[in-house]
Protein backbone atom coordinates (compact mmCIF):
# COMPACT_ATOMS: atom_id res chain seq x y z
CA UNK A 1 352.16 100.06 64.86
CA UNK A 2 350.15 101.13 62.08
CA UNK A 3 349.51 98.31 59.38
CA UNK A 4 350.60 95.49 61.92
CA UNK A 5 348.40 93.03 64.01
CA UNK A 6 349.18 93.54 67.60
CA UNK A 7 350.64 90.50 69.53
CA UNK A 8 352.60 89.82 72.66
CA UNK A 9 355.76 91.24 71.24
CA UNK A 10 354.09 94.76 71.29
CA UNK A 11 353.73 94.52 75.03
CA UNK A 12 357.10 93.27 75.60
CA UNK A 13 358.43 95.93 73.33
CA UNK A 14 359.86 93.35 70.94
CA UNK A 15 359.35 95.60 68.06
CA UNK A 16 361.41 98.38 69.36
CA UNK A 17 365.06 99.27 68.76
CA UNK A 18 365.92 98.35 72.23
CA UNK A 19 364.69 94.80 71.58
CA UNK A 20 367.14 94.69 68.52
CA UNK A 21 370.06 96.17 70.75
CA UNK A 22 369.60 93.12 73.20
CA UNK A 23 369.53 90.75 70.17
CA UNK A 24 373.02 92.28 69.06
CA UNK A 25 374.17 91.90 72.59
CA UNK A 26 373.02 87.97 72.59
CA UNK A 27 374.88 87.81 69.39
CA UNK A 28 378.14 89.31 70.51
CA UNK A 29 377.89 87.04 73.49
CA UNK A 30 377.62 83.98 71.28
CA UNK A 31 380.66 85.18 69.38
CA UNK A 32 382.71 85.84 72.57
CA UNK A 33 381.95 82.41 74.01
CA UNK A 34 382.54 80.64 70.82
CA UNK A 35 386.15 82.36 70.49
CA UNK A 36 386.84 81.58 74.11
CA UNK A 37 386.09 77.70 73.55
CA UNK A 38 388.03 77.72 70.31
CA UNK A 39 391.55 76.85 71.57
CA UNK A 40 390.41 73.59 72.86
CA UNK A 41 388.33 72.48 69.92
CA UNK A 42 389.36 70.02 67.34
CA UNK A 43 387.65 72.33 64.55
CA UNK A 44 386.39 75.87 64.53
CA UNK A 45 383.54 75.63 61.94
CA UNK A 46 381.07 73.73 64.34
CA UNK A 47 381.68 76.48 66.94
CA UNK A 48 380.95 79.15 64.61
CA UNK A 49 377.96 77.26 63.45
CA UNK A 50 376.66 76.64 66.88
CA UNK A 51 376.83 80.47 67.30
CA UNK A 52 375.07 81.06 64.02
CA UNK A 53 372.15 78.84 65.23
CA UNK A 54 371.63 80.64 68.44
CA UNK A 55 371.91 84.04 66.84
CA UNK A 56 369.43 82.90 64.13
CA UNK A 57 366.97 81.86 66.80
CA UNK A 58 367.17 85.16 68.94
CA UNK A 59 366.47 87.09 65.75
CA UNK A 60 363.49 84.71 64.75
CA UNK A 61 362.15 85.37 68.33
CA UNK A 62 361.83 89.00 67.76
CA UNK A 63 361.28 89.04 64.00
CA UNK A 64 358.54 86.16 63.41
CA UNK A 65 355.05 87.63 63.68
CA UNK A 66 352.08 85.70 65.02
CA UNK A 67 350.57 84.87 68.36
CA UNK A 68 351.13 82.15 69.20
CA UNK A 69 354.34 82.04 67.34
CA UNK A 70 354.00 79.98 63.91
CA UNK A 71 354.55 76.10 64.27
CA UNK A 72 357.60 75.84 61.69
CA UNK A 73 359.77 78.34 63.30
CA UNK A 74 358.88 77.19 66.77
CA UNK A 75 359.91 73.56 65.90
CA UNK A 76 362.99 75.05 64.47
CA UNK A 77 363.83 77.05 67.71
CA UNK A 78 363.05 73.96 69.72
CA UNK A 79 366.18 72.26 68.12
CA UNK A 80 368.37 75.20 69.08
CA UNK A 81 369.81 73.43 72.15
CA UNK A 82 370.03 70.08 70.61
CA UNK A 83 371.95 71.24 67.53
CA UNK A 84 374.03 73.75 69.13
CA UNK A 85 375.13 71.69 72.12
CA UNK A 86 375.85 68.85 69.68
CA UNK A 87 377.84 70.68 67.34
CA UNK A 88 380.15 71.91 70.26
CA UNK A 89 380.51 68.59 71.86
CA UNK A 90 381.50 67.13 68.79
CA UNK A 91 384.75 69.00 68.64
CA UNK A 92 385.83 69.39 72.29
CA UNK A 93 387.33 66.76 74.52
CA UNK A 94 385.21 64.55 76.66
CA UNK A 95 384.95 64.06 79.42
CA UNK A 96 385.32 67.79 80.20
CA UNK A 97 387.55 69.18 82.82
CA UNK A 98 385.19 72.27 83.20
CA UNK A 99 381.80 73.44 81.85
CA UNK A 100 383.10 75.89 79.49
CA UNK A 101 382.10 73.99 76.48
CA UNK A 102 378.43 73.97 77.60
CA UNK A 103 378.16 77.65 76.79
CA UNK A 104 375.37 76.92 74.33
CA UNK A 105 373.32 75.42 77.12
CA UNK A 106 373.01 78.83 78.71
CA UNK A 107 372.35 80.70 75.55
CA UNK A 108 369.52 78.06 74.41
CA UNK A 109 367.73 78.28 77.62
CA UNK A 110 367.11 81.97 76.85
CA UNK A 111 365.56 80.94 73.70
CA UNK A 112 363.14 78.44 75.39
CA UNK A 113 362.16 81.01 77.85
CA UNK A 114 361.01 83.30 75.28
CA UNK A 115 359.45 80.63 73.35
CA UNK A 116 357.25 80.17 76.36
CA UNK A 117 356.30 83.87 76.52
CA UNK A 118 355.57 83.64 72.60
CA UNK A 119 353.00 80.86 73.40
CA UNK A 120 354.97 77.62 72.61
CA UNK A 121 355.42 76.15 75.99
CA UNK A 122 355.36 72.54 75.00
CA UNK A 123 358.10 72.88 72.36
CA UNK A 124 360.15 75.03 74.67
CA UNK A 125 360.27 72.17 77.34
CA UNK A 126 360.81 69.72 74.66
CA UNK A 127 363.69 71.61 73.43
CA UNK A 128 365.17 71.94 76.99
CA UNK A 129 364.74 67.99 77.68
CA UNK A 130 366.69 67.24 74.18
CA UNK A 131 369.28 69.78 75.15
CA UNK A 132 369.92 68.34 78.51
CA UNK A 133 369.92 64.74 77.13
CA UNK A 134 372.40 65.70 74.80
CA UNK A 135 374.67 67.41 77.24
CA UNK A 136 374.39 64.30 79.70
CA UNK A 137 374.93 61.71 77.06
CA UNK A 138 377.83 63.41 75.32
CA UNK A 139 379.79 65.38 77.87
CA UNK A 140 380.89 62.35 79.86
CA UNK A 141 379.66 63.79 82.98
CA UNK A 142 377.88 62.05 85.84
CA UNK A 143 374.09 61.72 86.06
CA UNK A 144 374.22 63.76 89.25
CA UNK A 145 375.91 66.55 87.12
CA UNK A 146 373.11 66.38 84.47
CA UNK A 147 370.28 66.67 86.94
CA UNK A 148 372.07 69.77 88.42
CA UNK A 149 372.36 71.32 85.09
CA UNK A 150 368.48 70.53 84.22
CA UNK A 151 367.66 72.15 87.63
CA UNK A 152 369.69 75.36 86.85
CA UNK A 153 368.49 75.87 83.22
CA UNK A 154 365.00 74.74 83.84
CA UNK A 155 364.30 77.70 86.34
CA UNK A 156 364.13 80.49 83.41
CA UNK A 157 361.90 78.19 81.34
CA UNK A 158 359.72 77.59 84.33
CA UNK A 159 359.29 81.39 84.73
CA UNK A 160 358.26 81.57 81.02
CA UNK A 161 355.93 78.96 81.63
CA UNK A 162 354.42 80.78 84.49
CA UNK A 163 354.19 83.98 82.31
CA UNK A 164 352.49 81.90 79.34
CA UNK A 165 349.63 80.65 81.61
CA UNK A 166 349.11 83.74 83.71
CA UNK A 167 349.85 86.99 81.65
CA UNK A 168 349.10 85.79 78.35
CA UNK A 169 345.50 85.16 78.97
CA UNK A 170 345.28 88.99 80.34
CA UNK A 171 347.13 90.15 77.37
CA UNK A 172 344.56 88.46 74.90
CA UNK A 173 341.53 90.00 76.97
CA UNK A 174 343.38 93.53 76.61
CA UNK A 175 343.54 93.11 72.86
CA UNK A 176 340.03 91.81 72.65
CA UNK A 177 338.79 94.68 74.59
CA UNK A 178 340.89 97.15 72.53
CA UNK A 179 339.47 95.66 69.32
CA UNK A 180 336.09 96.00 70.68
CA UNK A 181 336.60 99.61 71.65
CA UNK A 182 337.89 100.40 68.18
CA UNK A 183 335.16 98.77 66.46
CA UNK A 184 332.55 100.66 68.72
CA UNK A 185 334.39 103.91 67.91
CA UNK A 186 334.25 103.34 64.34
CA UNK A 187 330.72 102.50 64.44
CA UNK A 188 329.95 105.55 66.35
CA UNK A 189 331.85 107.72 64.00
CA UNK A 190 330.04 106.09 60.98
CA UNK A 191 326.64 106.69 62.67
CA UNK A 192 327.67 110.28 63.45
CA UNK A 193 328.67 110.89 59.92
CA UNK A 194 325.44 109.29 58.77
CA UNK A 195 323.52 111.58 60.96
CA UNK A 196 325.46 114.64 59.94
CA UNK A 197 324.89 113.76 56.18
CA UNK A 198 321.15 112.95 56.95
CA UNK A 199 320.86 116.44 58.58
CA UNK A 200 322.60 118.19 55.71
CA UNK A 201 320.25 116.54 53.17
CA UNK A 202 317.22 117.60 55.28
CA UNK A 203 318.63 121.09 55.64
CA UNK A 204 319.05 121.20 51.78
CA UNK A 205 315.75 119.70 51.04
CA UNK A 206 314.22 122.35 53.46
CA UNK A 207 315.72 125.06 51.67
CA UNK A 208 315.03 123.84 48.27
CA UNK A 209 311.53 122.36 48.84
CA UNK A 210 309.93 124.32 51.58
CA UNK A 211 308.84 127.63 49.64
CA UNK A 212 307.13 125.46 46.89
CA UNK A 213 305.54 123.11 49.52
CA UNK A 214 304.19 126.07 51.33
CA UNK A 215 302.93 127.51 48.08
CA UNK A 216 301.14 124.16 47.24
CA UNK A 217 299.69 124.00 50.77
CA UNK A 218 298.18 127.40 50.58
CA UNK A 219 295.71 126.05 48.20
CA UNK A 220 296.49 128.73 45.59
CA UNK A 221 296.74 127.76 41.77
CA UNK A 222 300.30 127.43 40.73
CA UNK A 223 301.26 129.59 37.65
CA UNK A 224 303.40 128.49 34.86
CA UNK A 225 306.70 129.45 36.30
CA UNK A 226 305.87 127.78 39.76
CA UNK A 227 304.89 124.50 37.79
CA UNK A 228 308.39 124.85 36.04
CA UNK A 229 310.06 125.25 39.35
CA UNK A 230 308.43 122.15 40.95
CA UNK A 231 309.57 120.12 37.61
CA UNK A 232 313.09 121.43 38.00
CA UNK A 233 313.11 120.61 41.71
CA UNK A 234 311.84 117.20 41.27
CA UNK A 235 314.54 116.49 38.63
CA UNK A 236 317.19 118.00 40.85
CA UNK A 237 316.17 115.91 43.89
CA UNK A 238 316.20 112.78 41.59
CA UNK A 239 319.56 113.49 40.36
CA UNK A 240 320.91 113.51 43.94
CA UNK A 241 319.72 109.88 44.19
CA UNK A 242 320.67 108.56 40.78
CA UNK A 243 323.85 110.47 40.18
CA UNK A 244 325.35 111.57 43.45
CA UNK A 245 328.97 111.91 42.07
CA UNK A 246 327.68 114.58 39.56
CA UNK A 247 326.06 116.74 42.46
CA UNK A 248 328.52 119.60 42.07
CA UNK A 249 327.04 123.00 42.61
CA UNK A 250 328.47 124.44 39.51
CA UNK A 251 327.24 121.48 37.50
CA UNK A 252 323.94 121.51 39.02
CA UNK A 253 323.41 125.09 38.04
CA UNK A 254 324.40 124.11 34.50
CA UNK A 255 321.90 121.28 34.43
CA UNK A 256 319.25 123.30 35.79
CA UNK A 257 319.85 126.08 33.18
CA UNK A 258 319.88 123.62 30.38
CA UNK A 259 316.41 122.12 31.65
CA UNK A 260 315.09 125.59 31.64
CA UNK A 261 316.00 126.06 27.96
CA UNK A 262 314.08 122.66 27.23
CA UNK A 263 317.01 120.50 27.08
CA UNK A 264 316.19 117.02 28.36
CA UNK A 265 319.00 115.94 30.93
CA UNK A 266 319.50 112.69 32.27
CA UNK A 267 322.24 112.00 34.84
CA UNK A 268 323.18 108.37 35.67
CA UNK A 269 325.75 107.00 38.07
CA UNK A 270 327.06 103.46 37.83
CA UNK A 271 329.73 104.14 40.56
CA UNK A 272 332.89 104.22 38.24
CA UNK A 273 333.83 107.50 39.90
CA UNK A 274 333.42 106.62 43.44
CA UNK A 275 337.27 106.05 44.02
CA UNK A 276 338.54 108.91 41.95
CA UNK A 277 340.62 111.51 43.44
CA UNK A 278 338.74 114.98 44.33
CA UNK A 279 340.89 116.83 41.65
CA UNK A 280 339.82 114.18 38.96
CA UNK A 281 336.22 114.59 39.97
CA UNK A 282 336.51 118.37 39.91
CA UNK A 283 338.08 118.11 36.36
CA UNK A 284 335.17 115.73 34.98
CA UNK A 285 332.24 117.89 36.50
CA UNK A 286 333.80 121.10 35.08
CA UNK A 287 334.10 119.34 31.54
CA UNK A 288 330.44 117.98 31.88
CA UNK A 289 329.33 121.50 32.96
CA UNK A 290 331.05 122.96 29.72
CA UNK A 291 329.25 120.12 27.71
CA UNK A 292 326.00 121.22 29.07
CA UNK A 293 326.55 124.88 28.68
CA UNK A 294 327.03 124.28 24.78
CA UNK A 295 323.54 122.60 24.28
CA UNK A 296 320.55 124.59 23.23
CA UNK A 297 318.08 121.86 22.67
CA UNK A 298 317.60 118.11 22.37
CA UNK A 299 318.71 115.71 25.06
CA UNK A 300 322.01 115.09 27.12
CA UNK A 301 322.70 111.86 28.84
CA UNK A 302 325.55 112.04 31.43
CA UNK A 303 326.64 108.59 32.73
CA UNK A 304 329.39 107.67 35.15
CA UNK A 305 330.22 104.17 33.79
CA UNK A 306 330.78 101.10 35.90
CA UNK A 307 334.33 100.58 37.36
CA UNK A 308 336.99 98.99 35.12
CA UNK A 309 336.08 100.60 31.91
CA UNK A 310 338.44 102.41 29.81
CA UNK A 311 336.24 105.47 30.03
CA UNK A 312 335.15 106.76 33.47
CA UNK A 313 332.27 109.32 32.22
CA UNK A 314 330.41 109.58 29.04
CA UNK A 315 328.36 112.40 27.54
CA UNK A 316 325.88 111.72 24.81
CA UNK A 317 324.25 114.79 23.14
CA UNK A 318 321.32 114.12 20.89
CA UNK A 319 319.86 116.63 18.85
CA UNK A 320 320.26 117.86 15.31
CA UNK A 321 323.56 116.01 15.43
CA UNK A 322 324.64 113.40 17.81
CA UNK A 323 327.87 113.63 19.50
CA UNK A 324 329.53 111.73 22.30
CA UNK A 325 332.25 112.57 24.68
CA UNK A 326 334.19 110.30 27.09
CA UNK A 327 336.49 111.11 30.12
CA UNK A 328 339.08 108.73 31.14
CA UNK A 329 340.24 107.77 34.76
CA UNK A 330 342.50 110.85 34.81
CA UNK A 331 339.46 113.20 34.14
CA UNK A 332 340.74 114.37 30.79
CA UNK A 333 338.74 113.91 27.65
CA UNK A 334 339.75 110.82 25.61
CA UNK A 335 340.73 111.19 22.09
CA UNK A 336 340.09 109.09 19.24
CA UNK A 337 336.96 106.91 18.27
CA UNK A 338 334.45 106.41 20.79
CA UNK A 339 331.65 103.98 21.35
CA UNK A 340 327.80 104.49 20.31
CA UNK A 341 326.29 103.99 23.76
CA UNK A 342 326.27 105.96 26.97
């Protein structure tokens, strides 16, 4: 059920092939009963249309999503008995010698029963009453017969009503509990991932900063090399906050090497690469590392541009000359003229 909102159909297996097999059997039954009644009918097409109405309602019961079932389809289904019964009785002789022309009554009560299960109890009973009223008025049978038909065909609808008022609330509670459980698991997973990332950051910070912090805490005077390492470490930690998408080991090495050569390197991240594929990120990071490796002095500004731009990353190199490179959403270097700002 991935990608679908669960409802009562899931509990009853109404999304399964078995449910569609039952719908197929229901359709075949409609066809057989219509064919059986055809010899006594004045015209065939009302019988065929009545069967089509019943089959359409059965398909909609299984296929229409939502819980309760949407109002529009529910109203249409509530008219199943009235329409199908009226179509059949319009072409058969009345008063009837037997009950065979009332085959749509039995088929329609199945629709009404499952309408109750789908949460449309009131419309189901309205449909049943309209159907019985049509049969009593048009069939030419006695009122006693009409009440007998009502009692027989009301029983399945009554069972559906009991289901609706007893089982459906339990089902809603089950789905609510499952949704809460899913949300709780997702929250716990997010918290666990955050803790793991925090621990990884702390381990990395401990590995990078502890030696220098211990050296500073010792009270000894730092030499020039150690002061340079402090500056490089401060810049590296700043980069992890300002440009997380550019924090690749190979790229970090090139950035550090460039800074050791006296190149001023600024990394900025405006989140245009957040949704990029890993292969695209690796391609861009490798290309930026190559750009940095070719710079001996001056300054380099690497910026991940905001989402929606034609370019995803820009590299501006300023020194004796100024040049600019841009990389598109596919990670490849863009050709042709580029803008003047990073």
